[in-house]
């Protein structure tokens, strides 16, 4: 299944947000962190990065409409 450029951008944005969440979890002020929570975030990041890398982008999908023109 193809995605629009806007959907691709949104996935990249979510990837960035997850990376920030990982950084915040790993470097808490108290100096401790939840290793399991970090691993879950890393797994999510890797899965999303794989989807971004291997997903098809349909340049014919109209911006904002989410479907290919007829």
C-alpha atoms as a PDB file:
ATOM      1  CA  UNK A   1       0.000   0.000   0.000  1.00  0.00           C
ATOM      2  CA  UNK A   2       1.276   3.454  -0.903  1.00  0.00           C
ATOM      3  CA  UNK A   3       1.242   6.484   1.311  1.00  0.00           C
ATOM      4  CA  UNK A   4       1.105  10.172   0.512  1.00  0.00           C
ATOM      5  CA  UNK A   5       4.035  12.492   1.066  1.00  0.00           C
ATOM      6  CA  UNK A   6       2.088  14.003   3.968  1.00  0.00           C
ATOM      7  CA  UNK A   7       1.718  10.561   5.599  1.00  0.00           C
ATOM      8  CA  UNK A   8       5.449   9.973   5.084  1.00  0.00           C
ATOM      9  CA  UNK A   9       6.199  13.321   6.750  1.00  0.00           C
ATOM     10  CA  UNK A  10       3.921  12.436   9.670  1.00  0.00           C
ATOM     11  CA  UNK A  11       5.775   9.141  10.214  1.00  0.00           C
ATOM     12  CA  UNK A  12       9.096  11.000  10.255  1.00  0.00           C
ATOM     13  CA  UNK A  13       7.639  13.441  12.787  1.00  0.00           C
ATOM     14  CA  UNK A  14       6.487  10.577  15.025  1.00  0.00           C
ATOM     15  CA  UNK A  15       9.943   9.004  14.710  1.00  0.00           C
ATOM     16  CA  UNK A  16      11.480  12.252  15.969  1.00  0.00           C
ATOM     17  CA  UNK A  17       9.014  12.458  18.872  1.00  0.00           C
ATOM     18  CA  UNK A  18       9.818   8.877  19.904  1.00  0.00           C
ATOM     19  CA  UNK A  19      13.543   9.651  19.800  1.00  0.00           C
ATOM     20  CA  UNK A  20      12.968  12.612  22.112  1.00  0.00           C
ATOM     21  CA  UNK A  21      10.937  10.389  24.453  1.00  0.00           C
ATOM     22  CA  UNK A  22      13.792   7.875  24.499  1.00  0.00           C
ATOM     23  CA  UNK A  23      16.288  10.607  25.322  1.00  0.00           C
ATOM     24  CA  UNK A  24      14.084  11.928  28.115  1.00  0.00           C
ATOM     25  CA  UNK A  25      13.602   8.460  29.601  1.00  0.00           C
ATOM     26  CA  UNK A  26      17.294   7.612  29.425  1.00  0.00           C
ATOM     27  CA  UNK A  27      18.549  10.889  30.866  1.00  0.00           C
ATOM     28  CA  UNK A  28      16.138  11.628  33.673  1.00  0.00           C
ATOM     29  CA  UNK A  29      17.187  14.168  36.277  1.00  0.00           C
ATOM     30  CA  UNK A  30      17.359  11.500  38.994  1.00  0.00           C
ATOM     31  CA  UNK A  31      19.985   9.560  37.065  1.00  0.00           C
ATOM     32  CA  UNK A  32      17.941   6.365  36.912  1.00  0.00           C
ATOM     33  CA  UNK A  33      15.946   5.061  33.995  1.00  0.00           C
ATOM     34  CA  UNK A  34      13.644   2.206  33.113  1.00  0.00           C
ATOM     35  CA  UNK A  35      15.649  -0.060  30.793  1.00  0.00           C
ATOM     36  CA  UNK A  36      12.516  -1.944  29.712  1.00  0.00           C
ATOM     37  CA  UNK A  37      10.718   1.299  28.776  1.00  0.00           C
ATOM     38  CA  UNK A  38      13.777   2.374  26.782  1.00  0.00           C
ATOM     39  CA  UNK A  39      13.837  -0.949  24.937  1.00  0.00           C
ATOM     40  CA  UNK A  40      10.138  -0.670  24.076  1.00  0.00           C
ATOM     41  CA  UNK A  41      10.709   2.817  22.651  1.00  0.00           C
ATOM     42  CA  UNK A  42      13.743   1.579  20.691  1.00  0.00           C
ATOM     43  CA  UNK A  43      11.691  -1.291  19.246  1.00  0.00           C
ATOM     44  CA  UNK A  44       8.983   1.188  18.189  1.00  0.00           C
ATOM     45  CA  UNK A  45      11.577   3.465  16.587  1.00  0.00           C
ATOM     46  CA  UNK A  46      13.148   0.588  14.662  1.00  0.00           C
ATOM     47  CA  UNK A  47       9.766  -0.663  13.409  1.00  0.00           C
ATOM     48  CA  UNK A  48       8.753   2.810  12.283  1.00  0.00           C
ATOM     49  CA  UNK A  49      12.141   3.426  10.652  1.00  0.00           C
ATOM     50  CA  UNK A  50      11.778   0.137   8.748  1.00  0.00           C
ATOM     51  CA  UNK A  51       8.323   1.202   7.573  1.00  0.00           C
ATOM     52  CA  UNK A  52       9.659   4.583   6.462  1.00  0.00           C
ATOM     53  CA  UNK A  53      12.598   2.993   4.655  1.00  0.00           C
ATOM     54  CA  UNK A  54      10.621   0.315   2.826  1.00  0.00           C
ATOM     55  CA  UNK A  55       7.241   2.019   2.375  1.00  0.00           C
ATOM     56  CA  UNK A  56       6.101   3.183  -1.025  1.00  0.00           C
ATOM     57  CA  UNK A  57       5.216   6.834  -1.580  1.00  0.00           C
ATOM     58  CA  UNK A  58       2.515   7.738  -4.086  1.00  0.00           C
ATOM     59  CA  UNK A  59       3.241  11.200  -5.482  1.00  0.00           C
ATOM     60  CA  UNK A  60      -0.173  11.231  -7.172  1.00  0.00           C
ATOM     61  CA  UNK A  61      -2.175  11.336  -3.953  1.00  0.00           C
ATOM     62  CA  UNK A  62      -3.776  14.768  -3.625  1.00  0.00           C
ATOM     63  CA  UNK A  63      -2.526  16.738  -0.641  1.00  0.00           C
ATOM     64  CA  UNK A  64      -5.132  16.758   2.102  1.00  0.00           C
ATOM     65  CA  UNK A  65      -7.531  14.385   0.324  1.00  0.00           C
ATOM     66  CA  UNK A  66      -5.712  11.128   0.973  1.00  0.00           C
ATOM     67  CA  UNK A  67      -6.590   9.507  -2.345  1.00  0.00           C
ATOM     68  CA  UNK A  68      -5.282   9.343  -5.867  1.00  0.00           C
ATOM     69  CA  UNK A  69      -6.963  11.587  -8.427  1.00  0.00           C
ATOM     70  CA  UNK A  70      -9.347   9.867 -10.827  1.00  0.00           C
END
